[in-house]
């Protein structure tokens, strides 16, 4: 069902079984995959490439112009995966450079009034709560949850299976499997409940994650020394290696570590 009251540019490519409701706006050079639903007053802006079975709710803008003074116009991209839910008044900016673009992975859920800045990469099954603000050039790993009102500053990275509690402000790098809370950001433990219920992770593997983070956050040693202790004390597992890889990839700069221990 495509309403004759919607604006659809002739150059847009619309898949099969797509529903576009009255007063939706589909810009030029947009691609919308099979089975998508575009609700009234939603806007899909040029350069957007949307996968299958996505739903975009009222007032959302997908592929909006970047909010960055470095952007000088030109054609850039916003990539949306399959089975993505974009709720009311969400804004997703496309990239500032044509080589990369903003990317939202499969099965993400972006709740009302959330915002994703230019060139941010959000992997699959991520949940952004109401009023979450993600700045430009941010990376967020799989199955991470940002609760309502979280602010993520530009060039931050958040690992897989992280839970950030409501209202928290992230100004750096959050390693995988953590819970972060409060302002300033504080390590609040391992995201064990979600890992158990949604990830099906065995208790011994969760215990190994907890052991890793005891070295990082609870022994009063430097991050460099904590990394050496993890390598010596925790048997290799995919989770341990993910933690080590993330922290090494950030040059040992992670949130919730006192400055004198970085």
C-alpha atoms as a PDB file:
ATOM      1  CA  UNK A   1       0.000   0.000   0.000  1.00  0.00           C
ATOM      2  CA  UNK A   2       1.515   3.286  -1.142  1.00  0.00           C
ATOM      3  CA  UNK A   3      -0.629   6.330  -0.479  1.00  0.00           C
ATOM      4  CA  UNK A   4      -1.150   8.845  -3.242  1.00  0.00           C
ATOM      5  CA  UNK A   5      -0.831  11.506  -0.528  1.00  0.00           C
ATOM      6  CA  UNK A   6       2.806  10.590   0.148  1.00  0.00           C
ATOM      7  CA  UNK A   7       5.637  12.353  -1.692  1.00  0.00           C
ATOM      8  CA  UNK A   8       7.829   9.794  -3.446  1.00  0.00           C
ATOM      9  CA  UNK A   9      10.569  10.977  -5.781  1.00  0.00           C
ATOM     10  CA  UNK A  10      10.559   9.100  -9.105  1.00  0.00           C
ATOM     11  CA  UNK A  11      14.193   8.074  -8.625  1.00  0.00           C
ATOM     12  CA  UNK A  12      13.494   6.261  -5.327  1.00  0.00           C
ATOM     13  CA  UNK A  13      13.673   2.472  -5.414  1.00  0.00           C
ATOM     14  CA  UNK A  14      10.866   0.851  -3.436  1.00  0.00           C
ATOM     15  CA  UNK A  15      10.871  -2.897  -2.710  1.00  0.00           C
ATOM     16  CA  UNK A  16       7.953  -5.319  -2.689  1.00  0.00           C
ATOM     17  CA  UNK A  17       5.164  -5.223  -0.084  1.00  0.00           C
ATOM     18  CA  UNK A  18       6.187  -1.788   1.189  1.00  0.00           C
ATOM     19  CA  UNK A  19       3.598   0.371   2.965  1.00  0.00           C
ATOM     20  CA  UNK A  20       4.016   4.133   2.691  1.00  0.00           C
ATOM     21  CA  UNK A  21       1.375   6.066   4.578  1.00  0.00           C
ATOM     22  CA  UNK A  22      -0.079   9.511   3.742  1.00  0.00           C
ATOM     23  CA  UNK A  23       2.229  12.527   4.101  1.00  0.00           C
ATOM     24  CA  UNK A  24       5.423  10.487   4.246  1.00  0.00           C
ATOM     25  CA  UNK A  25       8.359  12.013   2.324  1.00  0.00           C
ATOM     26  CA  UNK A  26      10.661   9.794   0.241  1.00  0.00           C
ATOM     27  CA  UNK A  27      13.523  11.790  -1.279  1.00  0.00           C
ATOM     28  CA  UNK A  28      15.479  11.211  -4.460  1.00  0.00           C
ATOM     29  CA  UNK A  29      18.032   8.398  -4.637  1.00  0.00           C
ATOM     30  CA  UNK A  30      16.566   6.481  -1.712  1.00  0.00           C
ATOM     31  CA  UNK A  31      16.349   2.686  -1.558  1.00  0.00           C
ATOM     32  CA  UNK A  32      13.759   0.991   0.656  1.00  0.00           C
ATOM     33  CA  UNK A  33      13.820  -2.809   0.995  1.00  0.00           C
ATOM     34  CA  UNK A  34      10.961  -5.299   0.890  1.00  0.00           C
ATOM     35  CA  UNK A  35       8.338  -5.284   3.610  1.00  0.00           C
ATOM     36  CA  UNK A  36       9.152  -1.868   5.109  1.00  0.00           C
ATOM     37  CA  UNK A  37       6.529   0.401   6.653  1.00  0.00           C
ATOM     38  CA  UNK A  38       6.889   4.187   6.514  1.00  0.00           C
ATOM     39  CA  UNK A  39       4.372   5.912   8.777  1.00  0.00           C
ATOM     40  CA  UNK A  40       2.763   9.353   8.229  1.00  0.00           C
ATOM     41  CA  UNK A  41       5.085  12.386   8.369  1.00  0.00           C
ATOM     42  CA  UNK A  42       8.238  10.268   8.383  1.00  0.00           C
ATOM     43  CA  UNK A  43      11.013  11.433   6.040  1.00  0.00           C
ATOM     44  CA  UNK A  44      13.576   9.266   4.257  1.00  0.00           C
ATOM     45  CA  UNK A  45      16.265  11.579   2.860  1.00  0.00           C
ATOM     46  CA  UNK A  46      18.545  11.103  -0.157  1.00  0.00           C
ATOM     47  CA  UNK A  47      21.432   8.716   0.253  1.00  0.00           C
ATOM     48  CA  UNK A  48      19.502   6.388   2.558  1.00  0.00           C
ATOM     49  CA  UNK A  49      19.787   2.665   1.901  1.00  0.00           C
ATOM     50  CA  UNK A  50      17.225   0.797   3.995  1.00  0.00           C
ATOM     51  CA  UNK A  51      17.085  -2.976   4.328  1.00  0.00           C
ATOM     52  CA  UNK A  52      14.081  -5.263   4.633  1.00  0.00           C
ATOM     53  CA  UNK A  53      11.191  -5.235   7.124  1.00  0.00           C
ATOM     54  CA  UNK A  54      12.043  -1.936   8.772  1.00  0.00           C
ATOM     55  CA  UNK A  55       9.406   0.302  10.361  1.00  0.00           C
ATOM     56  CA  UNK A  56       9.803   4.072  10.560  1.00  0.00           C
ATOM     57  CA  UNK A  57       7.325   5.863  12.802  1.00  0.00           C
ATOM     58  CA  UNK A  58       5.756   9.308  12.687  1.00  0.00           C
ATOM     59  CA  UNK A  59       8.074  12.298  12.582  1.00  0.00           C
ATOM     60  CA  UNK A  60      11.306  10.329  12.189  1.00  0.00           C
ATOM     61  CA  UNK A  61      13.965  11.617   9.774  1.00  0.00           C
ATOM     62  CA  UNK A  62      16.337   9.015   8.338  1.00  0.00           C
ATOM     63  CA  UNK A  63      19.382  10.288   6.444  1.00  0.00           C
ATOM     64  CA  UNK A  64      19.133  13.917   7.589  1.00  0.00           C
ATOM     65  CA  UNK A  65      21.901  16.352   6.641  1.00  0.00           C
ATOM     66  CA  UNK A  66      24.928  16.040   8.961  1.00  0.00           C
ATOM     67  CA  UNK A  67      25.120  18.478  11.857  1.00  0.00           C
ATOM     68  CA  UNK A  68      28.812  19.190  11.450  1.00  0.00           C
ATOM     69  CA  UNK A  69      30.622  22.312  10.255  1.00  0.00           C
ATOM     70  CA  UNK A  70      33.024  20.138   8.252  1.00  0.00           C
ATOM     71  CA  UNK A  71      30.235  19.042   5.925  1.00  0.00           C
ATOM     72  CA  UNK A  72      30.297  21.064   2.722  1.00  0.00           C
ATOM     73  CA  UNK A  73      27.343  19.457   1.004  1.00  0.00           C
ATOM     74  CA  UNK A  74      27.676  16.680  -1.526  1.00  0.00           C
ATOM     75  CA  UNK A  75      26.314  13.174  -1.694  1.00  0.00           C
ATOM     76  CA  UNK A  76      26.757  10.971   1.370  1.00  0.00           C
ATOM     77  CA  UNK A  77      25.071   7.868   2.785  1.00  0.00           C
ATOM     78  CA  UNK A  78      23.033   6.419   5.604  1.00  0.00           C
ATOM     79  CA  UNK A  79      22.751   2.619   5.737  1.00  0.00           C
ATOM     80  CA  UNK A  80      19.954   0.926   7.687  1.00  0.00           C
ATOM     81  CA  UNK A  81      19.985  -2.864   8.145  1.00  0.00           C
ATOM     82  CA  UNK A  82      17.098  -5.346   8.169  1.00  0.00           C
ATOM     83  CA  UNK A  83      14.341  -5.478  10.799  1.00  0.00           C
ATOM     84  CA  UNK A  84      15.188  -2.089  12.277  1.00  0.00           C
ATOM     85  CA  UNK A  85      12.546  -0.209  14.283  1.00  0.00           C
ATOM     86  CA  UNK A  86      12.819   3.593  14.246  1.00  0.00           C
ATOM     87  CA  UNK A  87      10.299   5.182  16.593  1.00  0.00           C
ATOM     88  CA  UNK A  88       8.725   8.621  16.697  1.00  0.00           C
ATOM     89  CA  UNK A  89      10.893  11.711  16.066  1.00  0.00           C
ATOM     90  CA  UNK A  90      14.160   9.794  15.776  1.00  0.00           C
ATOM     91  CA  UNK A  91      16.800  11.626  13.716  1.00  0.00           C
ATOM     92  CA  UNK A  92      19.612   9.744  11.984  1.00  0.00           C
ATOM     93  CA  UNK A  93      22.192  11.899  10.182  1.00  0.00           C
ATOM     94  CA  UNK A  94      24.007  10.561   7.166  1.00  0.00           C
ATOM     95  CA  UNK A  95      27.805  10.741   6.884  1.00  0.00           C
ATOM     96  CA  UNK A  96      29.928  13.764   6.063  1.00  0.00           C
ATOM     97  CA  UNK A  97      32.160  11.795   3.659  1.00  0.00           C
ATOM     98  CA  UNK A  98      30.945   9.660   0.743  1.00  0.00           C
ATOM     99  CA  UNK A  99      33.399   6.832   1.479  1.00  0.00           C
ATOM    100  CA  UNK A 100      31.815   5.666   4.702  1.00  0.00           C
ATOM    101  CA  UNK A 101      28.464   6.869   6.030  1.00  0.00           C
ATOM    102  CA  UNK A 102      26.269   6.285   9.045  1.00  0.00           C
ATOM    103  CA  UNK A 103      25.384   2.626   9.653  1.00  0.00           C
ATOM    104  CA  UNK A 104      22.645   1.018  11.750  1.00  0.00           C
ATOM    105  CA  UNK A 105      22.875  -2.782  12.029  1.00  0.00           C
ATOM    106  CA  UNK A 106      20.176  -5.434  11.780  1.00  0.00           C
ATOM    107  CA  UNK A 107      17.428  -5.675  14.406  1.00  0.00           C
ATOM    108  CA  UNK A 108      18.230  -2.417  16.156  1.00  0.00           C
ATOM    109  CA  UNK A 109      15.525  -0.601  18.088  1.00  0.00           C
ATOM    110  CA  UNK A 110      15.753   3.199  18.243  1.00  0.00           C
ATOM    111  CA  UNK A 111      13.176   4.588  20.676  1.00  0.00           C
ATOM    112  CA  UNK A 112      11.388   7.931  20.511  1.00  0.00           C
ATOM    113  CA  UNK A 113      13.395  11.157  20.192  1.00  0.00           C
ATOM    114  CA  UNK A 114      16.764   9.420  19.990  1.00  0.00           C
ATOM    115  CA  UNK A 115      19.453  10.840  17.722  1.00  0.00           C
ATOM    116  CA  UNK A 116      22.365   9.235  15.857  1.00  0.00           C
ATOM    117  CA  UNK A 117      25.039  11.574  14.523  1.00  0.00           C
ATOM    118  CA  UNK A 118      27.020  11.445  11.288  1.00  0.00           C
ATOM    119  CA  UNK A 119      29.300   8.499  10.513  1.00  0.00           C
ATOM    120  CA  UNK A 120      28.387   6.593  13.665  1.00  0.00           C
ATOM    121  CA  UNK A 121      28.356   2.811  13.350  1.00  0.00           C
ATOM    122  CA  UNK A 122      25.831   0.902  15.437  1.00  0.00           C
ATOM    123  CA  UNK A 123      26.015  -2.871  15.152  1.00  0.00           C
ATOM    124  CA  UNK A 124      23.142  -5.345  15.331  1.00  0.00           C
ATOM    125  CA  UNK A 125      20.512  -5.743  18.096  1.00  0.00           C
ATOM    126  CA  UNK A 126      21.342  -2.457  19.800  1.00  0.00           C
ATOM    127  CA  UNK A 127      18.641  -0.634  21.772  1.00  0.00           C
ATOM    128  CA  UNK A 128      18.681   3.155  22.105  1.00  0.00           C
ATOM    129  CA  UNK A 129      16.238   4.322  24.771  1.00  0.00           C
ATOM    130  CA  UNK A 130      14.078   7.427  24.662  1.00  0.00           C
ATOM    131  CA  UNK A 131      16.033  10.678  24.196  1.00  0.00           C
ATOM    132  CA  UNK A 132      19.408   8.982  23.754  1.00  0.00           C
ATOM    133  CA  UNK A 133      21.883  11.271  21.964  1.00  0.00           C
ATOM    134  CA  UNK A 134      24.717   9.625  20.024  1.00  0.00           C
ATOM    135  CA  UNK A 135      27.184  12.100  18.544  1.00  0.00           C
ATOM    136  CA  UNK A 136      29.156  11.702  15.327  1.00  0.00           C
ATOM    137  CA  UNK A 137      31.904   9.132  14.736  1.00  0.00           C
ATOM    138  CA  UNK A 138      30.721   6.845  17.534  1.00  0.00           C
ATOM    139  CA  UNK A 139      30.978   3.040  17.447  1.00  0.00           C
ATOM    140  CA  UNK A 140      28.550   0.837  19.398  1.00  0.00           C
ATOM    141  CA  UNK A 141      28.928  -2.942  19.599  1.00  0.00           C
ATOM    142  CA  UNK A 142      26.336  -5.682  19.251  1.00  0.00           C
ATOM    143  CA  UNK A 143      23.509  -6.206  21.749  1.00  0.00           C
ATOM    144  CA  UNK A 144      24.303  -3.058  23.701  1.00  0.00           C
ATOM    145  CA  UNK A 145      21.548  -1.128  25.510  1.00  0.00           C
ATOM    146  CA  UNK A 146      21.690   2.621  26.124  1.00  0.00           C
ATOM    147  CA  UNK A 147      18.932   3.499  28.569  1.00  0.00           C
ATOM    148  CA  UNK A 148      16.841   6.661  28.364  1.00  0.00           C
ATOM    149  CA  UNK A 149      18.663   9.965  28.317  1.00  0.00           C
ATOM    150  CA  UNK A 150      22.186   8.600  27.759  1.00  0.00           C
ATOM    151  CA  UNK A 151      24.575  10.994  25.992  1.00  0.00           C
ATOM    152  CA  UNK A 152      27.508   9.583  24.005  1.00  0.00           C
ATOM    153  CA  UNK A 153      30.153  12.115  22.959  1.00  0.00           C
ATOM    154  CA  UNK A 154      31.875  12.031  19.577  1.00  0.00           C
ATOM    155  CA  UNK A 155      34.686   9.555  18.869  1.00  0.00           C
ATOM    156  CA  UNK A 156      33.590   7.307  21.724  1.00  0.00           C
ATOM    157  CA  UNK A 157      33.436   3.535  21.361  1.00  0.00           C
ATOM    158  CA  UNK A 158      31.185   1.160  23.280  1.00  0.00           C
ATOM    159  CA  UNK A 159      31.805  -2.585  23.200  1.00  0.00           C
ATOM    160  CA  UNK A 160      29.438  -5.542  22.790  1.00  0.00           C
ATOM    161  CA  UNK A 161      26.761  -6.416  25.384  1.00  0.00           C
ATOM    162  CA  UNK A 162      27.143  -3.204  27.379  1.00  0.00           C
ATOM    163  CA  UNK A 163      24.363  -1.709  29.502  1.00  0.00           C
ATOM    164  CA  UNK A 164      24.573   2.037  30.127  1.00  0.00           C
ATOM    165  CA  UNK A 165      22.072   3.203  32.732  1.00  0.00           C
ATOM    166  CA  UNK A 166      19.742   6.123  32.203  1.00  0.00           C
ATOM    167  CA  UNK A 167      21.123   9.657  32.122  1.00  0.00           C
ATOM    168  CA  UNK A 168      24.754   8.551  31.987  1.00  0.00           C
ATOM    169  CA  UNK A 169      27.230  10.631  29.962  1.00  0.00           C
ATOM    170  CA  UNK A 170      29.863   8.676  28.018  1.00  0.00           C
ATOM    171  CA  UNK A 171      32.969  10.638  27.046  1.00  0.00           C
ATOM    172  CA  UNK A 172      35.323   7.821  26.107  1.00  0.00           C
ATOM    173  CA  UNK A 173      35.517   4.087  25.529  1.00  0.00           C
ATOM    174  CA  UNK A 174      33.391   1.504  27.350  1.00  0.00           C
ATOM    175  CA  UNK A 175      34.750  -2.066  27.174  1.00  0.00           C
ATOM    176  CA  UNK A 176      32.463  -5.056  26.450  1.00  0.00           C
ATOM    177  CA  UNK A 177      30.024  -6.732  28.876  1.00  0.00           C
ATOM    178  CA  UNK A 178      30.015  -3.866  31.414  1.00  0.00           C
ATOM    179  CA  UNK A 179      27.297  -1.960  33.200  1.00  0.00           C
ATOM    180  CA  UNK A 180      28.045   1.750  33.463  1.00  0.00           C
ATOM    181  CA  UNK A 181      26.094   4.224  35.594  1.00  0.00           C
ATOM    182  CA  UNK A 182      26.069   7.665  37.247  1.00  0.00           C
ATOM    183  CA  UNK A 183      27.801  10.925  36.370  1.00  0.00           C
ATOM    184  CA  UNK A 184      30.766  10.919  36.268  1.00  0.00           C
ATOM    185  CA  UNK A 185      30.615   7.481  34.679  1.00  0.00           C
ATOM    186  CA  UNK A 186      31.227   4.616  37.119  1.00  0.00           C
ATOM    187  CA  UNK A 187      31.778   0.913  36.559  1.00  0.00           C
ATOM    188  CA  UNK A 188      28.718  -0.836  37.993  1.00  0.00           C
ATOM    189  CA  UNK A 189      29.569  -4.497  37.374  1.00  0.00           C
ATOM    190  CA  UNK A 190      29.175  -7.097  34.654  1.00  0.00           C
ATOM    191  CA  UNK A 191      26.013  -7.166  32.519  1.00  0.00           C
ATOM    192  CA  UNK A 192      25.344 -10.679  33.813  1.00  0.00           C
ATOM    193  CA  UNK A 193      21.537 -10.773  33.697  1.00  0.00           C
ATOM    194  CA  UNK A 194      21.369  -9.838  30.016  1.00  0.00           C
ATOM    195  CA  UNK A 195      24.273 -12.149  29.156  1.00  0.00           C
ATOM    196  CA  UNK A 196      22.443 -15.012  30.872  1.00  0.00           C
ATOM    197  CA  UNK A 197      18.940 -14.417  29.581  1.00  0.00           C
ATOM    198  CA  UNK A 198      19.481 -12.955  26.127  1.00  0.00           C
ATOM    199  CA  UNK A 199      22.933 -14.324  25.363  1.00  0.00           C
ATOM    200  CA  UNK A 200      22.582 -17.773  26.931  1.00  0.00           C
ATOM    201  CA  UNK A 201      26.054 -17.439  28.381  1.00  0.00           C
ATOM    202  CA  UNK A 202      27.314 -20.066  30.862  1.00  0.00           C
ATOM    203  CA  UNK A 203      28.072 -19.009  34.431  1.00  0.00           C
ATOM    204  CA  UNK A 204      31.744 -19.890  34.231  1.00  0.00           C
ATOM    205  CA  UNK A 205      32.216 -17.556  31.267  1.00  0.00           C
ATOM    206  CA  UNK A 206      30.439 -14.757  33.109  1.00  0.00           C
ATOM    207  CA  UNK A 207      32.726 -15.415  36.079  1.00  0.00           C
ATOM    208  CA  UNK A 208      35.743 -15.047  33.790  1.00  0.00           C
ATOM    209  CA  UNK A 209      34.439 -11.679  32.571  1.00  0.00           C
ATOM    210  CA  UNK A 210      33.985 -10.571  36.183  1.00  0.00           C
ATOM    211  CA  UNK A 211      37.536 -11.672  36.966  1.00  0.00           C
ATOM    212  CA  UNK A 212      38.839  -9.573  34.064  1.00  0.00           C
ATOM    213  CA  UNK A 213      37.091  -6.479  35.333  1.00  0.00           C
ATOM    214  CA  UNK A 214      38.188  -7.001  38.919  1.00  0.00           C
ATOM    215  CA  UNK A 215      41.721  -6.539  37.590  1.00  0.00           C
ATOM    216  CA  UNK A 216      40.754  -3.466  35.560  1.00  0.00           C
ATOM    217  CA  UNK A 217      38.468  -1.614  37.949  1.00  0.00           C
ATOM    218  CA  UNK A 218      38.828  -3.022  41.459  1.00  0.00           C
ATOM    219  CA  UNK A 219      42.493  -3.642  42.243  1.00  0.00           C
ATOM    220  CA  UNK A 220      43.821  -0.081  42.113  1.00  0.00           C
ATOM    221  CA  UNK A 221      46.428  -0.936  39.493  1.00  0.00           C
ATOM    222  CA  UNK A 222      47.025   0.718  36.132  1.00  0.00           C
ATOM    223  CA  UNK A 223      45.198  -0.452  33.038  1.00  0.00           C
ATOM    224  CA  UNK A 224      48.538  -1.612  31.623  1.00  0.00           C
ATOM    225  CA  UNK A 225      49.183  -3.842  34.634  1.00  0.00           C
ATOM    226  CA  UNK A 226      45.578  -5.045  34.656  1.00  0.00           C
ATOM    227  CA  UNK A 227      45.962  -6.232  31.083  1.00  0.00           C
ATOM    228  CA  UNK A 228      49.055  -8.226  31.971  1.00  0.00           C
ATOM    229  CA  UNK A 229      47.261  -9.778  34.939  1.00  0.00           C
ATOM    230  CA  UNK A 230      44.273 -10.766  32.803  1.00  0.00           C
ATOM    231  CA  UNK A 231      46.558 -12.495  30.315  1.00  0.00           C
ATOM    232  CA  UNK A 232      48.232 -14.433  33.134  1.00  0.00           C
ATOM    233  CA  UNK A 233      45.198 -15.120  35.337  1.00  0.00           C
ATOM    234  CA  UNK A 234      42.227 -15.724  32.998  1.00  0.00           C
ATOM    235  CA  UNK A 235      42.120 -18.641  30.567  1.00  0.00           C
ATOM    236  CA  UNK A 236      41.596 -17.654  26.912  1.00  0.00           C
ATOM    237  CA  UNK A 237      37.941 -17.409  25.876  1.00  0.00           C
ATOM    238  CA  UNK A 238      36.221 -15.346  23.171  1.00  0.00           C
ATOM    239  CA  UNK A 239      35.014 -12.957  25.884  1.00  0.00           C
ATOM    240  CA  UNK A 240      38.433 -12.497  27.482  1.00  0.00           C
ATOM    241  CA  UNK A 241      40.000 -11.937  24.065  1.00  0.00           C
ATOM    242  CA  UNK A 242      37.262  -9.443  23.151  1.00  0.00           C
ATOM    243  CA  UNK A 243      37.990  -7.445  26.310  1.00  0.00           C
ATOM    244  CA  UNK A 244      41.741  -7.439  25.682  1.00  0.00           C
ATOM    245  CA  UNK A 245      41.310  -6.534  22.011  1.00  0.00           C
ATOM    246  CA  UNK A 246      38.934  -3.661  22.787  1.00  0.00           C
ATOM    247  CA  UNK A 247      41.127  -2.109  25.488  1.00  0.00           C
ATOM    248  CA  UNK A 248      44.292  -2.496  23.422  1.00  0.00           C
ATOM    249  CA  UNK A 249      42.483  -0.976  20.443  1.00  0.00           C
ATOM    250  CA  UNK A 250      41.703   2.094  22.564  1.00  0.00           C
ATOM    251  CA  UNK A 251      45.348   2.462  23.630  1.00  0.00           C
ATOM    252  CA  UNK A 252      44.276   1.530  27.176  1.00  0.00           C
ATOM    253  CA  UNK A 253      42.019   4.624  27.385  1.00  0.00           C
ATOM    254  CA  UNK A 254      38.715   3.497  28.910  1.00  0.00           C
ATOM    255  CA  UNK A 255      36.046   5.241  30.983  1.00  0.00           C
ATOM    256  CA  UNK A 256      35.710   5.033  34.780  1.00  0.00           C
ATOM    257  CA  UNK A 257      39.451   4.669  35.384  1.00  0.00           C
ATOM    258  CA  UNK A 258      41.138   7.315  37.573  1.00  0.00           C
ATOM    259  CA  UNK A 259      43.553   9.515  35.618  1.00  0.00           C
ATOM    260  CA  UNK A 260      46.553   8.364  37.621  1.00  0.00           C
ATOM    261  CA  UNK A 261      45.839   4.709  36.673  1.00  0.00           C
ATOM    262  CA  UNK A 262      45.385   5.141  32.927  1.00  0.00           C
END
